[in-house]
Each structure stands twice: as C-alpha cells, then as structure tokens.
C-alpha cells in the first residue's frame, strides 16, 4: 500500500481538530461586576464585587484601583456620584491561565437615593441595578409582583393557559431574591458542554523546512476536562482529570505522491493542576501534571513503533511585573510495554525532557526542549512564535520558527540522528 494513502485518515483527524478549535469561543481576559444583593436602604453599605477571569493562552496581570467612583441614577436620571473603597489590601494580581482573581469595594447607598437605581462604575461599561426604596415606606421594586401578565401593547391580561405554558403563574411572580434562591441553573446543550471542556494542550503548528528535501512538520493537539469543577478556585482531586490527544507528522512535500514520512499518534490520560501553590504576591506559582500516555506510528511489520510511559511533570512559574511569565517544566518519564522494534528507545531519547518557556502577554513566546540519551545522544528543539497582529496583520495566530537537532523527529526514526533543521510556518497555539 502506498504511504500516500496514510494522508487521508491523518487529514480527517486534522480537519476534525481544527473544526473543534474553531468552535471554541475566542480566548479573552476581562472583568465582570455585580452587587452582593438586589436591594438596600439609603445609608446602608453594599459590596461591589469584581471577578477577573483569564481565558487567554498566557498569564495575565490585573491592577485593580483601591478607590472607585460610583454613579447612581434613579427614575429622573439625575446622577449621584460617590466613592467606594477596596476591601482588603491586595489590588495587584497575577492571574494564571484558566484562573481568576476576585476583589470587592464597599459602597454606601446615597441617602438621597430612592427607588430603583442604575449603578455604574466610572470608566467601566458594566451597569448594575439596586432597589434603594426605604423599608419604612413605599413599595420596594424587589417585592413579589402580585399582578397578572399582560400584553405589553394593550395592557390586557393574557389568557391564563398561555402564561401557564410559559412555566409562570398567571397571577403573581417571584421577587428577585426568591428567583436567585430557587431558580435552577441553566442546562447546557451537549455541544456547549463538550466545547467548554475542550482546551489547548501541546502547541499547534505547521512549519516547512528544506534541508534534505522539502518537508513539513505539523502538530495538532487538544485536551478534554472530564469533570467541570463546582468551585473553579478549589477544584476537587478528580475534577483535575483530563484526556489528551496529540498528533505529530512529518510530510514529504517533494516526493511524487507527497507521502507522509511518519506520524506519531499520542493519546493520554492525566491529572493536571496548574495552581497547586501561589505566593502571596502571586509572582510565583507551582503546578504539576502526572499521567500515562501511548505513542504509536500506526504501522505494521518492521516499520511498527510503539511505547507507553508514565510521567510526572512539575512546573515552576515566575510572573514578571512587565507582563511576561517564565516557566520551567521538566517531564520525567518511565517507559512500560515498549515494542520489540524500538526496545532501545530510552537509549536515544532518555528519561527527561527539560523544558523552559517564556511568554509575553499578547506578545512573543519562546520555548526550548533538551533531552539526552546514552553516550551523549543529545536532542534540542527551540520554538519561537510571534503574533501576526504585532506585525500589522489583522489575523489570529503566530509566525512560527522551529529549530531541531538530534534524535526522534519522528517515532519511526527515533534512533536516527537528524542534522540541524530550521522550519518556518504558522502556529495557532504556541
């Protein structure tokens, strides 16, 4: 069978992963605001709570003001401006990937405020609502709505049967406090549940080199979280379990049938917590991963290669004040069930992948990997990714450069020494 036929299943997997990646909402970092309660009398103190969530591929810095200016607008629209003071001492936060920081400010409801208030923070687009009706008199806007459902244009009551079909009472509606206490969480669709659990794993790239013939090396990768944490700040042990899949191919672009030279299929199951410990100033962070993975090139006979390994990968991260993060994450591996055809795999690839990575927020990413087998069999890979938007292109992704020298550019050729190879291309996940 021609090796070019292996292109079909690999491209199918690649297209599927790219489609899934496209379905996931774009990563972002932002702040959401809310009031700690729906109603308070004039003169009472309320909390304005803020949550900064980092959904970007790199760590992010959040500098929250110690004091903010709050605007209150009642039925007349005439604003009242007051200040609110931060609760606690910390206002500078370094937020790791897929983590959040929380803080709040104390605000006194103005004594002049009456009725339903539109509350905003100067400089922010968020708009909140608070019922400031005094409890000694008046009808609070947060009381139950003891009135029928009417047509918005005519004011005439709707037929009770029609309202009942909507899941509401024809005569009365619950107060906001009651709704917050009794309303069940929205049930996500199966597709939304799947995509919300899918995230980046290893780098995703496509790069071309010309030494020894024109070839392309590309990699697709994603991980899937098996359980959604009830509390993202303190997930339970089993809520950190993942399934991962990575596929790396070397493609001959110069041959007559453009065959794949080799493809490594790499499924895995692992435990991952990127935030086991964080320093008080959030500059230092320690995480860890541990799991089992399988590697195979999907071939039979003399070209068959496969192995399994258990691994432990601690990660040490330092967040610089300039908005970049330096990471050191050695991957320590113990091989099991190694195929006869590659029984000496560890002699060439060793037992530790030493990894260092530096990433600037919304900027370049540089990573390096070094490993050493027996008898000075060394392998080095250096990757540089630079955002396309930083070079004037309104496009997602990165310009990607890769340098490789040593053993194991393919699983088939794990014991073959590869000369220095430079490749250039595009990266979606650096």
Protein backbone atom coordinates (compact mmCIF):
# COMPACT_ATOMS: atom_id res chain seq x y z
CA UNK A 1 0.00 0.00 0.00
CA UNK A 2 1.38 3.44 -0.89
CA UNK A 3 2.38 5.63 2.00
CA UNK A 4 0.43 8.46 0.40
CA UNK A 5 -2.80 6.71 1.41
CA UNK A 6 -1.96 7.42 5.03
CA UNK A 7 -2.62 11.06 4.21
CA UNK A 8 -6.39 10.50 4.18
CA UNK A 9 -7.00 9.43 7.82
CA UNK A 10 -4.48 11.93 9.12
CA UNK A 11 -6.11 14.79 7.27
CA UNK A 12 -9.52 13.68 8.58
CA UNK A 13 -8.26 13.85 12.16
CA UNK A 14 -6.61 17.20 11.45
CA UNK A 15 -9.76 18.70 9.94
CA UNK A 16 -11.82 17.48 12.90
CA UNK A 17 -9.46 19.05 15.44
CA UNK A 18 -9.29 22.34 13.55
CA UNK A 19 -13.10 22.41 13.34
CA UNK A 20 -13.37 21.84 17.07
CA UNK A 21 -10.85 24.57 17.76
CA UNK A 22 -12.82 26.96 15.57
CA UNK A 23 -16.00 26.15 17.50
CA UNK A 24 -14.46 27.16 20.83
CA UNK A 25 -15.09 30.82 21.68
CA UNK A 26 -12.11 33.16 21.32
CA UNK A 27 -9.98 33.41 24.44
CA UNK A 28 -10.13 36.65 26.37
CA UNK A 29 -9.43 38.22 29.74
CA UNK A 30 -11.97 40.57 31.30
CA UNK A 31 -13.71 41.80 34.44
CA UNK A 32 -17.34 41.27 35.43
CA UNK A 33 -19.09 43.26 38.17
CA UNK A 34 -22.09 42.56 40.38
CA UNK A 35 -23.72 43.83 43.57
CA UNK A 36 -23.82 41.46 46.51
CA UNK A 37 -27.61 41.92 46.89
CA UNK A 38 -30.55 43.28 44.89
CA UNK A 39 -31.82 45.79 47.45
CA UNK A 40 -30.58 48.04 50.26
CA UNK A 41 -31.98 51.05 52.05
CA UNK A 42 -30.35 54.52 51.69
CA UNK A 43 -27.37 54.78 54.06
CA UNK A 44 -26.69 51.03 54.06
CA UNK A 45 -23.41 49.56 52.81
CA UNK A 46 -23.30 47.22 49.81
CA UNK A 47 -20.41 45.39 48.18
CA UNK A 48 -19.50 45.84 44.53
CA UNK A 49 -17.82 42.56 43.58
CA UNK A 50 -15.44 42.11 40.64
CA UNK A 51 -14.11 38.92 39.09
CA UNK A 52 -11.19 38.98 36.63
CA UNK A 53 -11.06 35.74 34.61
CA UNK A 54 -8.08 34.88 32.41
CA UNK A 55 -9.10 32.69 29.47
CA UNK A 56 -6.04 33.54 27.35
CA UNK A 57 -3.16 31.16 26.50
CA UNK A 58 -0.80 33.04 28.86
CA UNK A 59 -0.82 34.51 32.35
CA UNK A 60 -2.32 37.98 32.80
CA UNK A 61 -1.85 40.90 35.20
CA UNK A 62 -4.77 42.78 36.77
CA UNK A 63 -4.24 46.05 38.61
CA UNK A 64 -7.45 47.00 40.42
CA UNK A 65 -7.93 50.54 41.82
CA UNK A 66 -8.09 50.97 45.58
CA UNK A 67 -10.91 53.51 45.24
CA UNK A 68 -13.52 53.84 42.52
CA UNK A 69 -16.15 56.44 41.64
CA UNK A 70 -19.71 55.10 41.52
CA UNK A 71 -22.66 56.73 39.73
CA UNK A 72 -26.24 56.25 40.94
CA UNK A 73 -29.20 57.15 38.73
CA UNK A 74 -32.84 56.99 39.82
CA UNK A 75 -36.10 57.42 37.91
CA UNK A 76 -35.27 61.03 36.95
CA UNK A 77 -31.87 60.06 35.54
CA UNK A 78 -30.12 62.69 37.68
CA UNK A 79 -26.79 61.13 38.74
CA UNK A 80 -25.32 60.99 42.21
CA UNK A 81 -21.55 60.37 42.37
CA UNK A 82 -19.92 58.73 45.39
CA UNK A 83 -16.73 56.76 46.06
CA UNK A 84 -16.19 53.15 47.14
CA UNK A 85 -13.19 51.75 48.99
CA UNK A 86 -11.49 48.38 48.32
CA UNK A 87 -11.93 45.59 50.85
CA UNK A 88 -8.57 44.03 51.78
CA UNK A 89 -5.00 45.05 51.00
CA UNK A 90 -4.31 43.25 47.70
CA UNK A 91 -5.04 45.16 44.48
CA UNK A 92 -2.29 43.75 42.20
CA UNK A 93 -2.96 40.27 40.82
CA UNK A 94 -1.03 37.92 38.53
CA UNK A 95 -3.65 35.53 37.16
CA UNK A 96 -2.53 32.17 35.68
CA UNK A 97 -4.18 30.65 32.61
CA UNK A 98 -7.79 29.49 33.23
CA UNK A 99 -7.82 31.07 36.69
CA UNK A 100 -9.45 34.14 38.18
CA UNK A 101 -8.94 36.82 40.82
CA UNK A 102 -11.67 38.37 42.94
CA UNK A 103 -11.97 41.59 44.92
CA UNK A 104 -14.68 43.94 46.14
CA UNK A 105 -15.34 47.54 47.17
CA UNK A 106 -17.59 48.86 49.95
CA UNK A 107 -20.11 51.46 48.76
CA UNK A 108 -22.68 53.35 50.84
CA UNK A 109 -26.07 53.80 49.18
CA UNK A 110 -26.58 57.61 48.96
CA UNK A 111 -29.10 58.99 51.42
CA UNK A 112 -30.73 60.89 48.54
CA UNK A 113 -31.29 57.70 46.51
CA UNK A 114 -34.88 56.50 46.19
CA UNK A 115 -36.41 53.65 44.22
CA UNK A 116 -34.69 51.55 41.59
CA UNK A 117 -31.14 52.75 40.90
CA UNK A 118 -28.95 52.15 37.84
CA UNK A 119 -25.45 51.74 39.28
CA UNK A 120 -22.27 52.10 37.23
CA UNK A 121 -18.53 52.42 37.83
CA UNK A 122 -16.89 55.34 36.09
CA UNK A 123 -14.61 54.08 33.35
CA UNK A 124 -16.41 50.73 33.05
CA UNK A 125 -19.28 49.74 30.76
CA UNK A 126 -20.96 47.49 33.33
CA UNK A 127 -24.44 48.56 34.50
CA UNK A 128 -25.98 47.14 37.66
CA UNK A 129 -29.33 47.65 39.41
CA UNK A 130 -30.19 48.20 43.08
CA UNK A 131 -33.53 48.83 44.75
CA UNK A 132 -32.91 51.66 47.22
CA UNK A 133 -36.51 52.05 48.45
CA UNK A 134 -36.64 52.61 52.22
CA UNK A 135 -38.25 49.77 54.10
CA UNK A 136 -40.25 52.08 56.35
CA UNK A 137 -42.39 53.27 53.45
CA UNK A 138 -43.01 52.74 49.75
CA UNK A 139 -43.17 49.60 47.65
CA UNK A 140 -39.73 48.09 47.03
CA UNK A 141 -39.03 47.15 43.41
CA UNK A 142 -37.72 43.82 44.65
CA UNK A 143 -41.03 42.69 46.16
CA UNK A 144 -43.04 39.89 44.59
CA UNK A 145 -45.11 41.01 41.56
CA UNK A 146 -48.69 40.31 42.61
CA UNK A 147 -50.20 41.20 39.25
CA UNK A 148 -51.28 39.31 36.12
CA UNK A 149 -49.19 39.02 32.94
CA UNK A 150 -50.46 41.50 30.36
CA UNK A 151 -49.95 42.27 26.68
CA UNK A 152 -47.23 44.94 26.52
CA UNK A 153 -49.08 46.95 23.82
CA UNK A 154 -52.69 46.81 25.00
CA UNK A 155 -52.29 46.25 28.75
CA UNK A 156 -54.90 43.50 28.62
CA UNK A 157 -54.25 40.31 30.70
CA UNK A 158 -53.05 37.31 28.71
CA UNK A 159 -55.07 34.08 28.88
CA UNK A 160 -54.03 32.09 31.98
CA UNK A 161 -53.44 28.93 29.92
CA UNK A 162 -50.90 30.77 27.72
CA UNK A 163 -48.99 32.05 30.75
CA UNK A 164 -49.03 28.61 32.38
CA UNK A 165 -47.45 27.10 29.26
CA UNK A 166 -44.53 29.51 29.79
CA UNK A 167 -43.93 28.00 33.23
CA UNK A 168 -45.17 31.09 35.09
CA UNK A 169 -48.07 31.85 37.40
CA UNK A 170 -50.90 33.88 35.77
CA UNK A 171 -51.41 35.98 38.94
CA UNK A 172 -48.08 36.51 40.70
CA UNK A 173 -44.33 36.44 40.02
CA UNK A 174 -41.48 35.81 42.49
CA UNK A 175 -39.22 38.54 43.86
CA UNK A 176 -35.63 38.66 42.51
CA UNK A 177 -34.29 37.28 45.80
CA UNK A 178 -36.64 34.31 45.55
CA UNK A 179 -35.65 33.69 41.93
CA UNK A 180 -31.97 33.69 42.83
CA UNK A 181 -32.60 31.15 45.58
CA UNK A 182 -34.93 28.80 43.73
CA UNK A 183 -34.14 29.04 40.01
CA UNK A 184 -32.15 26.01 38.79
CA UNK A 185 -29.01 26.52 36.77
CA UNK A 186 -29.48 26.53 33.02
CA UNK A 187 -28.86 23.14 31.48
CA UNK A 188 -26.17 23.47 28.79
CA UNK A 189 -26.52 21.67 25.48
CA UNK A 190 -24.34 18.63 24.85
CA UNK A 191 -22.27 20.55 22.30
CA UNK A 192 -21.72 23.52 24.65
CA UNK A 193 -20.73 21.14 27.45
CA UNK A 194 -18.21 19.49 25.15
CA UNK A 195 -16.62 22.66 23.80
CA UNK A 196 -16.45 24.29 27.25
CA UNK A 197 -14.39 21.32 28.45
CA UNK A 198 -12.04 21.41 25.44
CA UNK A 199 -8.84 23.46 25.66
CA UNK A 200 -5.32 23.79 24.26
CA UNK A 201 -2.77 21.16 25.24
CA UNK A 202 0.50 20.94 23.30
CA UNK A 203 1.49 23.53 20.63
CA UNK A 204 -0.41 23.50 17.33
CA UNK A 205 1.64 24.47 14.28
CA UNK A 206 2.52 23.85 10.62
CA UNK A 207 6.12 24.56 9.53
CA UNK A 208 8.18 23.88 6.42
CA UNK A 209 11.92 23.19 6.09
CA UNK A 210 14.16 22.48 3.10
CA UNK A 211 17.26 20.73 4.44
CA UNK A 212 17.46 17.22 2.97
CA UNK A 213 14.41 17.90 0.79
CA UNK A 214 11.29 19.99 1.30
CA UNK A 215 9.30 18.65 4.27
CA UNK A 216 6.60 19.94 6.56
CA UNK A 217 6.25 19.15 10.24
CA UNK A 218 2.91 19.83 11.83
CA UNK A 219 1.21 19.09 15.14
CA UNK A 220 -2.42 19.03 16.32
CA UNK A 221 -3.32 18.80 19.99
CA UNK A 222 -6.19 19.29 22.46
CA UNK A 223 -7.21 18.18 25.94
CA UNK A 224 -10.63 17.47 27.44
CA UNK A 225 -11.57 18.00 31.10
CA UNK A 226 -13.64 15.08 32.35
CA UNK A 227 -15.39 16.91 35.21
CA UNK A 228 -16.46 20.56 35.49
CA UNK A 229 -15.41 21.96 38.91
CA UNK A 230 -18.18 23.15 41.19
CA UNK A 231 -15.74 25.78 42.51
CA UNK A 232 -13.07 26.79 40.00
CA UNK A 233 -10.88 28.24 42.77
CA UNK A 234 -10.68 24.98 44.73
CA UNK A 235 -11.36 22.02 42.41
CA UNK A 236 -11.62 18.55 43.90
CA UNK A 237 -8.92 16.00 43.03
CA UNK A 238 -11.00 14.12 40.45
CA UNK A 239 -12.07 17.41 38.82
CA UNK A 240 -8.48 17.80 37.55
CA UNK A 241 -8.61 14.66 35.37
CA UNK A 242 -8.11 15.10 31.61
CA UNK A 243 -7.93 13.16 28.38
CA UNK A 244 -5.40 14.44 25.84
CA UNK A 245 -4.56 13.80 22.21
CA UNK A 246 -1.56 14.98 20.19
CA UNK A 247 -0.64 14.06 16.63
CA UNK A 248 2.70 14.96 15.06
CA UNK A 249 3.50 14.32 11.39
CA UNK A 250 6.46 14.73 9.08
CA UNK A 251 5.28 15.21 5.49
CA UNK A 252 7.38 14.84 2.36
CA UNK A 253 6.35 17.72 0.09
CA UNK A 254 8.88 16.89 -2.59
CA UNK A 255 8.07 13.24 -3.34
CA UNK A 256 5.90 12.22 -6.30
CA UNK A 257 2.89 11.22 -4.20
CA UNK A 258 3.61 13.65 -1.34
CA UNK A 259 3.66 10.82 1.24
CA UNK A 260 3.85 11.14 4.99
CA UNK A 261 7.25 10.04 6.23
CA UNK A 262 5.80 9.18 9.65
CA UNK A 263 3.01 10.17 12.05
CA UNK A 264 3.01 9.81 15.83
CA UNK A 265 -0.39 9.23 17.47
CA UNK A 266 -0.22 10.23 21.14
CA UNK A 267 -3.36 9.76 23.30
CA UNK A 268 -3.01 10.30 27.05
CA UNK A 269 -4.86 10.38 30.36
CA UNK A 270 -3.56 12.61 33.12
CA UNK A 271 -4.13 14.69 36.24
CA UNK A 272 -3.30 18.41 35.99
CA UNK A 273 -3.39 21.28 38.43
CA UNK A 274 -1.54 24.40 37.28
CA UNK A 275 -2.08 26.23 40.56
CA UNK A 276 -1.13 23.95 43.46
CA UNK A 277 0.61 26.81 45.25
CA UNK A 278 0.82 30.57 44.67
CA UNK A 279 2.93 33.11 46.56
CA UNK A 280 1.27 35.96 48.45
CA UNK A 281 2.17 38.46 45.71
CA UNK A 282 1.15 35.90 43.03
CA UNK A 283 4.51 36.20 41.25
CA UNK A 284 5.49 32.60 41.99
CA UNK A 285 3.26 29.67 41.06
CA UNK A 286 3.76 25.92 41.26
CA UNK A 287 1.74 23.28 39.41
CA UNK A 288 2.05 19.65 38.42
CA UNK A 289 0.83 17.02 35.98
CA UNK A 290 1.03 13.23 36.13
CA UNK A 291 -0.35 10.59 33.81
CA UNK A 292 0.10 7.84 31.27
CA UNK A 293 0.47 8.19 27.51
CA UNK A 294 0.76 5.96 24.48
CA UNK A 295 2.81 6.66 21.36
CA UNK A 296 2.47 4.75 18.11
CA UNK A 297 3.04 5.38 14.43
CA UNK A 298 0.17 3.12 13.39
CA UNK A 299 2.30 0.94 11.13
CA UNK A 300 2.87 -2.81 11.00
CA UNK A 301 5.90 -5.03 10.44
CA UNK A 302 9.42 -3.67 10.57
CA UNK A 303 8.16 -0.05 10.46
CA UNK A 304 5.99 -0.50 13.58
CA UNK A 305 6.90 1.69 16.57
CA UNK A 306 5.02 1.94 19.87
CA UNK A 307 5.60 2.53 23.57
CA UNK A 308 3.87 3.65 26.74
CA UNK A 309 5.13 5.76 29.58
CA UNK A 310 4.14 7.02 32.98
CA UNK A 311 5.21 10.61 33.53
CA UNK A 312 5.47 13.31 36.17
CA UNK A 313 5.80 16.96 35.14
CA UNK A 314 6.15 19.63 37.85
CA UNK A 315 6.03 23.25 36.67
CA UNK A 316 7.65 26.28 38.26
CA UNK A 317 6.44 29.67 37.03
CA UNK A 318 7.55 33.23 37.74
CA UNK A 319 5.44 36.22 36.72
CA UNK A 320 7.42 39.38 35.87
CA UNK A 321 5.97 42.82 36.56
CA UNK A 322 6.33 43.63 32.86
CA UNK A 323 3.61 41.13 31.97
CA UNK A 324 5.61 38.05 31.00
CA UNK A 325 5.92 34.58 32.54
CA UNK A 326 8.97 32.30 32.73
CA UNK A 327 8.22 28.57 33.17
CA UNK A 328 10.40 25.55 33.90
CA UNK A 329 8.60 22.20 33.47
CA UNK A 330 10.78 19.07 33.23
CA UNK A 331 8.90 15.95 32.09
CA UNK A 332 10.17 12.79 33.81
CA UNK A 333 9.21 9.52 32.08
CA UNK A 334 9.29 5.80 32.91
CA UNK A 335 8.71 3.52 29.91
CA UNK A 336 6.50 0.43 30.01
CA UNK A 337 5.25 -2.03 27.36
CA UNK A 338 7.82 -0.90 24.79
CA UNK A 339 7.56 -2.69 21.42
CA UNK A 340 10.33 -5.07 20.37
CA UNK A 341 11.07 -2.96 17.29
CA UNK A 342 12.05 0.01 19.47
CA UNK A 343 13.12 -1.71 22.69
CA UNK A 344 16.16 0.60 22.98
CA UNK A 345 14.06 3.80 22.70
CA UNK A 346 15.30 5.21 26.02
CA UNK A 347 18.93 4.90 24.86
CA UNK A 348 18.22 7.62 22.29
CA UNK A 349 15.55 9.75 23.96
CA UNK A 350 16.43 9.46 27.64
CA UNK A 351 14.03 9.75 30.55
CA UNK A 352 13.71 13.54 31.00
CA UNK A 353 12.57 16.29 28.64
CA UNK A 354 13.92 19.54 30.08
CA UNK A 355 11.56 22.37 29.09
CA UNK A 356 11.82 26.15 29.51
CA UNK A 357 9.25 28.65 28.22
CA UNK A 358 9.00 32.44 28.24
CA UNK A 359 5.74 34.11 27.17
CA UNK A 360 4.91 37.81 26.95
CA UNK A 361 1.24 38.76 27.32
CA UNK A 362 -0.14 39.29 23.79
CA UNK A 363 3.44 39.04 22.54
CA UNK A 364 6.17 36.60 21.54
CA UNK A 365 6.57 33.12 23.01
CA UNK A 366 9.94 31.35 23.18
CA UNK A 367 10.33 27.73 24.32
CA UNK A 368 13.20 25.25 24.40
CA UNK A 369 13.41 21.49 24.98
CA UNK A 370 16.54 19.46 25.68
CA UNK A 371 16.91 15.72 26.28
CA UNK A 372 19.86 13.33 26.42
CA UNK A 373 20.05 9.59 25.92
CA UNK A 374 23.03 7.32 26.46
CA UNK A 375 26.50 8.07 25.04
CA UNK A 376 25.88 11.79 24.55
CA UNK A 377 22.88 11.32 22.26
CA UNK A 378 21.53 14.85 22.60
CA UNK A 379 18.38 16.41 21.17
CA UNK A 380 17.47 20.11 21.14
CA UNK A 381 14.36 21.89 19.91
CA UNK A 382 13.78 25.66 20.06
CA UNK A 383 10.48 27.31 19.08
CA UNK A 384 9.68 30.99 18.53
CA UNK A 385 6.15 32.29 17.94
CA UNK A 386 5.37 35.95 17.20
CA UNK A 387 1.78 37.29 16.98
CA UNK A 388 0.65 38.19 13.48
CA UNK A 389 -1.19 41.22 14.88
CA UNK A 390 2.14 42.59 16.12
CA UNK A 391 3.44 42.78 12.55
CA UNK A 392 0.45 44.69 11.17
CA UNK A 393 -1.75 41.78 10.09
CA UNK A 394 -5.31 41.70 11.43
CA UNK A 395 -5.19 37.92 11.85
CA UNK A 396 -5.10 35.37 14.61
CA UNK A 397 -2.15 33.05 15.07
CA UNK A 398 1.61 33.45 15.13
CA UNK A 399 4.55 33.47 12.76
CA UNK A 400 6.37 30.31 13.82
CA UNK A 401 10.05 29.33 13.69
CA UNK A 402 11.40 25.95 14.80
CA UNK A 403 14.95 24.61 15.18
CA UNK A 404 15.53 20.86 15.65
CA UNK A 405 18.77 18.92 16.06
CA UNK A 406 19.16 15.37 17.35
CA UNK A 407 17.12 12.19 17.62
CA UNK A 408 13.39 11.44 17.43
CA UNK A 409 12.00 13.97 14.99
CA UNK A 410 9.79 11.01 14.03
CA UNK A 411 8.90 7.93 16.03
CA UNK A 412 9.92 5.75 13.09
CA UNK A 413 13.39 7.31 13.10
CA UNK A 414 13.82 7.52 16.88
CA UNK A 415 17.37 6.12 16.53
CA UNK A 416 18.40 8.28 13.54
CA UNK A 417 20.43 11.44 14.02
CA UNK A 418 18.83 14.43 12.29
CA UNK A 419 21.01 17.28 11.17
CA UNK A 420 20.12 20.83 12.20
CA UNK A 421 16.79 21.74 10.62
CA UNK A 422 15.15 25.17 10.55
CA UNK A 423 11.45 25.42 9.73
CA UNK A 424 9.10 28.36 9.30
CA UNK A 425 5.32 28.41 9.28
CA UNK A 426 2.18 29.26 11.22
CA UNK A 427 1.24 28.47 14.82
CA UNK A 428 -2.28 28.56 16.28
CA UNK A 429 -1.25 27.60 19.83
CA UNK A 430 2.40 28.43 20.72
